[in-house]
Amino acid sequence: MKTLRYAALAVLAGLSLAACSNDMHDDKMADAKMSDAKMADTKMSGDKMADAKMTGETMMPAGVMIEQSAKGKVLTDKMGMSLYIFDKDQPGMSMCYDTCAKNWPPLMASHDAKPTGDFTVVERKDGTMQWALHDMPLYTWVKDTKPGEVNGDGVGGVWHAAMAPGDKMMK
């Protein structure tokens, strides 16, 4: 009876190791097949970047996408709403609070979010975290009502659509 039990444990252990080996092989194959046209989830052990997305060579936070708009390819949130950069912000520091933040909601990040690719995380004065592109905080615009709209681009001469990596920022 003990021999049967040990044999069963050995088979289970072998299957577990084989499954782990196949998962690692599958992850490597999936990484090799990523293209510029398709974003895919990536799992990178040990560095908490499992919530990141990759398009070509550009790592992006989960929930950030690239969408076509009337102005070209722009960054959007998970709902397809365009993201913007505010000229009055400083690298790593938001200057948009109160009424500004009601009209230009910050693209919030989890408290344990980590920088990935061109994206960084900045701490707001209330202690919450916000995603940034090249250290410049990212926002949506309340007057964009449908995915792909870029109505906030150029507002007050200080708001600009966040262009997809490789495209130039509109100013």
C-alpha atoms as a PDB file:
ATOM      1  CA  MET A   1       0.000   0.000   0.000  1.00  0.00           C
ATOM      2  CA  LYS A   2       2.869   2.373   0.860  1.00  0.00           C
ATOM      3  CA  THR A   3       4.518   1.577  -2.474  1.00  0.00           C
ATOM      4  CA  LEU A   4       1.332   2.540  -4.330  1.00  0.00           C
ATOM      5  CA  ARG A   5       1.077   5.776  -2.348  1.00  0.00           C
ATOM      6  CA  TYR A   6       4.741   6.673  -3.098  1.00  0.00           C
ATOM      7  CA  ALA A   7       4.271   5.836  -6.769  1.00  0.00           C
ATOM      8  CA  ALA A   8       1.212   8.107  -6.943  1.00  0.00           C
ATOM      9  CA  LEU A   9       3.137  10.945  -5.265  1.00  0.00           C
ATOM     10  CA  ALA A  10       6.032  10.484  -7.685  1.00  0.00           C
ATOM     11  CA  VAL A  11       3.667  10.660 -10.671  1.00  0.00           C
ATOM     12  CA  LEU A  12       2.000  13.815  -9.303  1.00  0.00           C
ATOM     13  CA  ALA A  13       5.364  15.447  -8.650  1.00  0.00           C
ATOM     14  CA  GLY A  14       6.480  14.614 -12.183  1.00  0.00           C
ATOM     15  CA  LEU A  15       3.305  16.055 -13.683  1.00  0.00           C
ATOM     16  CA  SER A  16       3.695  19.242 -11.653  1.00  0.00           C
ATOM     17  CA  LEU A  17       7.264  19.719 -12.844  1.00  0.00           C
ATOM     18  CA  ALA A  18       6.266  19.051 -16.439  1.00  0.00           C
ATOM     19  CA  ALA A  19       3.440  21.595 -16.207  1.00  0.00           C
ATOM     20  CA  CYS A  20       5.804  24.237 -14.808  1.00  0.00           C
ATOM     21  CA  SER A  21       8.302  23.515 -17.547  1.00  0.00           C
ATOM     22  CA  ASN A  22       5.617  23.796 -20.233  1.00  0.00           C
ATOM     23  CA  ASP A  23       4.303  27.069 -18.737  1.00  0.00           C
ATOM     24  CA  MET A  24       7.785  28.593 -18.873  1.00  0.00           C
ATOM     25  CA  HIS A  25       8.231  27.370 -22.457  1.00  0.00           C
ATOM     26  CA  ASP A  26       4.794  28.738 -23.406  1.00  0.00           C
ATOM     27  CA  ASP A  27       5.615  32.131 -21.836  1.00  0.00           C
ATOM     28  CA  LYS A  28       8.843  32.353 -23.840  1.00  0.00           C
ATOM     29  CA  MET A  29       7.040  31.392 -27.046  1.00  0.00           C
ATOM     30  CA  ALA A  30       4.298  33.944 -26.390  1.00  0.00           C
ATOM     31  CA  ASP A  31       6.859  36.670 -25.727  1.00  0.00           C
ATOM     32  CA  ALA A  32       8.594  35.851 -28.992  1.00  0.00           C
ATOM     33  CA  LYS A  33       5.327  36.162 -30.935  1.00  0.00           C
ATOM     34  CA  MET A  34       4.337  39.645 -29.717  1.00  0.00           C
ATOM     35  CA  SER A  35       3.985  42.229 -32.484  1.00  0.00           C
ATOM     36  CA  ASP A  36       3.460  45.982 -32.774  1.00  0.00           C
ATOM     37  CA  ALA A  37      -0.138  45.444 -33.817  1.00  0.00           C
ATOM     38  CA  LYS A  38      -1.127  43.261 -30.868  1.00  0.00           C
ATOM     39  CA  MET A  39      -0.761  43.944 -27.158  1.00  0.00           C
ATOM     40  CA  ALA A  40      -0.297  40.884 -24.987  1.00  0.00           C
ATOM     41  CA  ASP A  41      -0.073  40.265 -21.265  1.00  0.00           C
ATOM     42  CA  THR A  42       3.429  39.589 -20.052  1.00  0.00           C
ATOM     43  CA  LYS A  43       4.380  37.804 -16.870  1.00  0.00           C
ATOM     44  CA  MET A  44       7.768  38.755 -15.504  1.00  0.00           C
ATOM     45  CA  SER A  45       8.587  36.958 -12.291  1.00  0.00           C
ATOM     46  CA  GLY A  46      10.133  38.841  -9.437  1.00  0.00           C
ATOM     47  CA  ASP A  47       9.504  42.427 -10.494  1.00  0.00           C
ATOM     48  CA  LYS A  48       5.733  42.999 -10.126  1.00  0.00           C
ATOM     49  CA  MET A  49       5.343  43.872 -13.793  1.00  0.00           C
ATOM     50  CA  ALA A  50       2.671  41.227 -14.349  1.00  0.00           C
ATOM     51  CA  ASP A  51       0.119  44.028 -14.742  1.00  0.00           C
ATOM     52  CA  ALA A  52       1.988  45.534 -17.680  1.00  0.00           C
ATOM     53  CA  LYS A  53       1.196  45.288 -21.383  1.00  0.00           C
ATOM     54  CA  MET A  54       3.659  45.178 -24.237  1.00  0.00           C
ATOM     55  CA  THR A  55       3.262  46.457 -27.750  1.00  0.00           C
ATOM     56  CA  GLY A  56       6.389  45.894 -29.802  1.00  0.00           C
ATOM     57  CA  GLU A  57       9.175  47.164 -27.569  1.00  0.00           C
ATOM     58  CA  THR A  58       6.989  49.494 -25.464  1.00  0.00           C
ATOM     59  CA  MET A  59       5.844  48.362 -22.021  1.00  0.00           C
ATOM     60  CA  MET A  60       2.574  49.930 -20.881  1.00  0.00           C
ATOM     61  CA  PRO A  61       0.582  49.668 -17.663  1.00  0.00           C
ATOM     62  CA  ALA A  62      -2.442  47.374 -17.743  1.00  0.00           C
ATOM     63  CA  GLY A  63      -5.468  49.373 -18.798  1.00  0.00           C
ATOM     64  CA  VAL A  64      -3.495  51.749 -21.024  1.00  0.00           C
ATOM     65  CA  MET A  65      -4.094  51.177 -24.713  1.00  0.00           C
ATOM     66  CA  ILE A  66      -3.269  52.716 -28.068  1.00  0.00           C
ATOM     67  CA  GLU A  67      -6.266  53.803 -30.138  1.00  0.00           C
ATOM     68  CA  GLN A  68      -6.662  55.587 -33.447  1.00  0.00           C
ATOM     69  CA  SER A  69      -8.201  59.056 -33.178  1.00  0.00           C
ATOM     70  CA  ALA A  70      -8.765  62.012 -35.501  1.00  0.00           C
ATOM     71  CA  LYS A  71      -5.358  63.289 -34.327  1.00  0.00           C
ATOM     72  CA  GLY A  72      -3.503  59.991 -34.847  1.00  0.00           C
ATOM     73  CA  LYS A  73      -2.640  57.178 -32.463  1.00  0.00           C
ATOM     74  CA  VAL A  74      -3.223  58.273 -28.869  1.00  0.00           C
ATOM     75  CA  LEU A  75      -2.922  56.631 -25.487  1.00  0.00           C
ATOM     76  CA  THR A  76      -6.234  55.785 -23.850  1.00  0.00           C
ATOM     77  CA  ASP A  77      -7.489  54.342 -20.602  1.00  0.00           C
ATOM     78  CA  LYS A  78      -9.152  50.915 -20.455  1.00  0.00           C
ATOM     79  CA  MET A  79     -12.460  52.452 -21.591  1.00  0.00           C
ATOM     80  CA  GLY A  80     -10.844  53.892 -24.741  1.00  0.00           C
ATOM     81  CA  MET A  81     -10.942  57.460 -23.435  1.00  0.00           C
ATOM     82  CA  SER A  82      -8.008  59.592 -24.594  1.00  0.00           C
ATOM     83  CA  LEU A  83      -5.243  60.500 -22.165  1.00  0.00           C
ATOM     84  CA  TYR A  84      -3.766  63.982 -21.843  1.00  0.00           C
ATOM     85  CA  ILE A  85      -0.690  65.763 -20.514  1.00  0.00           C
ATOM     86  CA  PHE A  86      -0.852  69.153 -18.752  1.00  0.00           C
ATOM     87  CA  ASP A  87       1.873  71.726 -19.496  1.00  0.00           C
ATOM     88  CA  LYS A  88       1.673  73.183 -15.974  1.00  0.00           C
ATOM     89  CA  ASP A  89       2.685  69.867 -14.389  1.00  0.00           C
ATOM     90  CA  GLN A  90       6.304  69.323 -13.455  1.00  0.00           C
ATOM     91  CA  PRO A  91       8.096  66.025 -14.121  1.00  0.00           C
ATOM     92  CA  GLY A  92       6.987  63.693 -11.344  1.00  0.00           C
ATOM     93  CA  MET A  93       4.492  66.203  -9.880  1.00  0.00           C
ATOM     94  CA  SER A  94       0.849  66.942 -10.666  1.00  0.00           C
ATOM     95  CA  MET A  95      -0.403  70.510 -10.478  1.00  0.00           C
ATOM     96  CA  CYS A  96      -4.010  69.507 -11.245  1.00  0.00           C
ATOM     97  CA  TYR A  97      -6.217  69.307  -8.127  1.00  0.00           C
ATOM     98  CA  ASP A  98      -9.706  70.276  -6.982  1.00  0.00           C
ATOM     99  CA  THR A  99     -11.761  71.713  -9.893  1.00  0.00           C
ATOM    100  CA  CYS A 100      -8.984  70.888 -12.333  1.00  0.00           C
ATOM    101  CA  ALA A 101      -8.996  67.218 -11.256  1.00  0.00           C
ATOM    102  CA  LYS A 102     -12.801  67.094 -11.541  1.00  0.00           C
ATOM    103  CA  ASN A 103     -12.568  68.207 -15.174  1.00  0.00           C
ATOM    104  CA  TRP A 104      -9.347  66.296 -15.884  1.00  0.00           C
ATOM    105  CA  PRO A 105      -9.542  63.094 -13.801  1.00  0.00           C
ATOM    106  CA  PRO A 106      -6.073  61.665 -13.107  1.00  0.00           C
ATOM    107  CA  LEU A 107      -5.234  58.213 -14.478  1.00  0.00           C
ATOM    108  CA  MET A 108      -4.924  56.556 -11.089  1.00  0.00           C
ATOM    109  CA  ALA A 109      -2.443  53.783 -10.324  1.00  0.00           C
ATOM    110  CA  SER A 110      -2.509  51.256  -7.527  1.00  0.00           C
ATOM    111  CA  HIS A 111      -0.371  52.025  -4.497  1.00  0.00           C
ATOM    112  CA  ASP A 112       2.058  49.224  -5.385  1.00  0.00           C
ATOM    113  CA  ALA A 113       2.284  50.088  -9.118  1.00  0.00           C
ATOM    114  CA  LYS A 114       5.813  50.085 -10.521  1.00  0.00           C
ATOM    115  CA  PRO A 115       7.283  52.026 -13.461  1.00  0.00           C
ATOM    116  CA  THR A 116       7.227  50.131 -16.736  1.00  0.00           C
ATOM    117  CA  GLY A 117       8.833  51.242 -19.992  1.00  0.00           C
ATOM    118  CA  ASP A 118       8.164  54.947 -20.583  1.00  0.00           C
ATOM    119  CA  PHE A 119       5.527  54.961 -17.841  1.00  0.00           C
ATOM    120  CA  THR A 120       6.239  56.076 -14.300  1.00  0.00           C
ATOM    121  CA  VAL A 121       4.117  56.494 -11.187  1.00  0.00           C
ATOM    122  CA  VAL A 122       3.882  59.811  -9.372  1.00  0.00           C
ATOM    123  CA  GLU A 123       2.509  60.434  -5.910  1.00  0.00           C
ATOM    124  CA  ARG A 124      -0.222  63.052  -5.668  1.00  0.00           C
ATOM    125  CA  LYS A 125      -0.328  65.405  -2.689  1.00  0.00           C
ATOM    126  CA  ASP A 126      -3.135  63.328  -1.124  1.00  0.00           C
ATOM    127  CA  GLY A 127      -0.911  60.228  -1.193  1.00  0.00           C
ATOM    128  CA  THR A 128      -2.704  58.511  -4.091  1.00  0.00           C
ATOM    129  CA  MET A 129      -0.718  57.343  -7.092  1.00  0.00           C
ATOM    130  CA  GLN A 130      -1.074  58.445 -10.710  1.00  0.00           C
ATOM    131  CA  TRP A 131       0.357  57.050 -13.960  1.00  0.00           C
ATOM    132  CA  ALA A 132       2.679  59.316 -15.923  1.00  0.00           C
ATOM    133  CA  LEU A 133       4.342  59.196 -19.332  1.00  0.00           C
ATOM    134  CA  HIS A 134       7.999  60.257 -19.149  1.00  0.00           C
ATOM    135  CA  ASP A 135       7.252  61.520 -15.614  1.00  0.00           C
ATOM    136  CA  MET A 136       4.406  63.743 -16.865  1.00  0.00           C
ATOM    137  CA  PRO A 137       1.095  62.830 -15.154  1.00  0.00           C
ATOM    138  CA  LEU A 138      -1.720  61.494 -17.346  1.00  0.00           C
ATOM    139  CA  TYR A 139      -5.389  62.564 -17.267  1.00  0.00           C
ATOM    140  CA  THR A 140      -8.691  62.021 -19.064  1.00  0.00           C
ATOM    141  CA  TRP A 141     -11.086  64.873 -20.032  1.00  0.00           C
ATOM    142  CA  VAL A 142     -14.704  64.903 -18.841  1.00  0.00           C
ATOM    143  CA  LYS A 143     -15.897  66.407 -22.125  1.00  0.00           C
ATOM    144  CA  ASP A 144     -14.697  63.397 -24.093  1.00  0.00           C
ATOM    145  CA  THR A 145     -17.899  61.360 -24.111  1.00  0.00           C
ATOM    146  CA  LYS A 146     -16.982  58.565 -26.527  1.00  0.00           C
ATOM    147  CA  PRO A 147     -13.857  56.451 -26.974  1.00  0.00           C
ATOM    148  CA  GLY A 148     -11.425  57.953 -29.468  1.00  0.00           C
ATOM    149  CA  GLU A 149     -12.502  61.566 -28.957  1.00  0.00           C
ATOM    150  CA  VAL A 150      -9.671  64.065 -28.394  1.00  0.00           C
ATOM    151  CA  ASN A 151     -11.745  67.145 -27.514  1.00  0.00           C
ATOM    152  CA  GLY A 152      -9.303  68.059 -24.751  1.00  0.00           C
ATOM    153  CA  ASP A 153      -6.341  68.462 -27.097  1.00  0.00           C
ATOM    154  CA  GLY A 154      -5.322  72.136 -27.058  1.00  0.00           C
ATOM    155  CA  VAL A 155      -7.716  73.251 -24.297  1.00  0.00           C
ATOM    156  CA  GLY A 156      -6.363  76.483 -22.815  1.00  0.00           C
ATOM    157  CA  GLY A 157      -3.208  75.947 -24.863  1.00  0.00           C
ATOM    158  CA  VAL A 158      -1.894  73.736 -22.021  1.00  0.00           C
ATOM    159  CA  TRP A 159      -3.571  70.334 -22.511  1.00  0.00           C
ATOM    160  CA  HIS A 160      -2.279  67.887 -25.118  1.00  0.00           C
ATOM    161  CA  ALA A 161      -3.287  64.405 -26.205  1.00  0.00           C
ATOM    162  CA  ALA A 162      -0.759  61.827 -25.056  1.00  0.00           C
ATOM    163  CA  MET A 163       0.448  60.344 -28.306  1.00  0.00           C
ATOM    164  CA  ALA A 164       1.321  56.686 -28.674  1.00  0.00           C
ATOM    165  CA  PRO A 165       5.019  55.870 -28.250  1.00  0.00           C
ATOM    166  CA  GLY A 166       6.821  56.697 -31.475  1.00  0.00           C
ATOM    167  CA  ASP A 167       4.432  59.541 -32.352  1.00  0.00           C
ATOM    168  CA  LYS A 168       5.190  63.123 -31.354  1.00  0.00           C
ATOM    169  CA  MET A 169       3.215  64.913 -28.674  1.00  0.00           C
ATOM    170  CA  MET A 170       0.799  67.455 -30.151  1.00  0.00           C
ATOM    171  CA  LYS A 171       1.411  71.005 -29.039  1.00  0.00           C
END
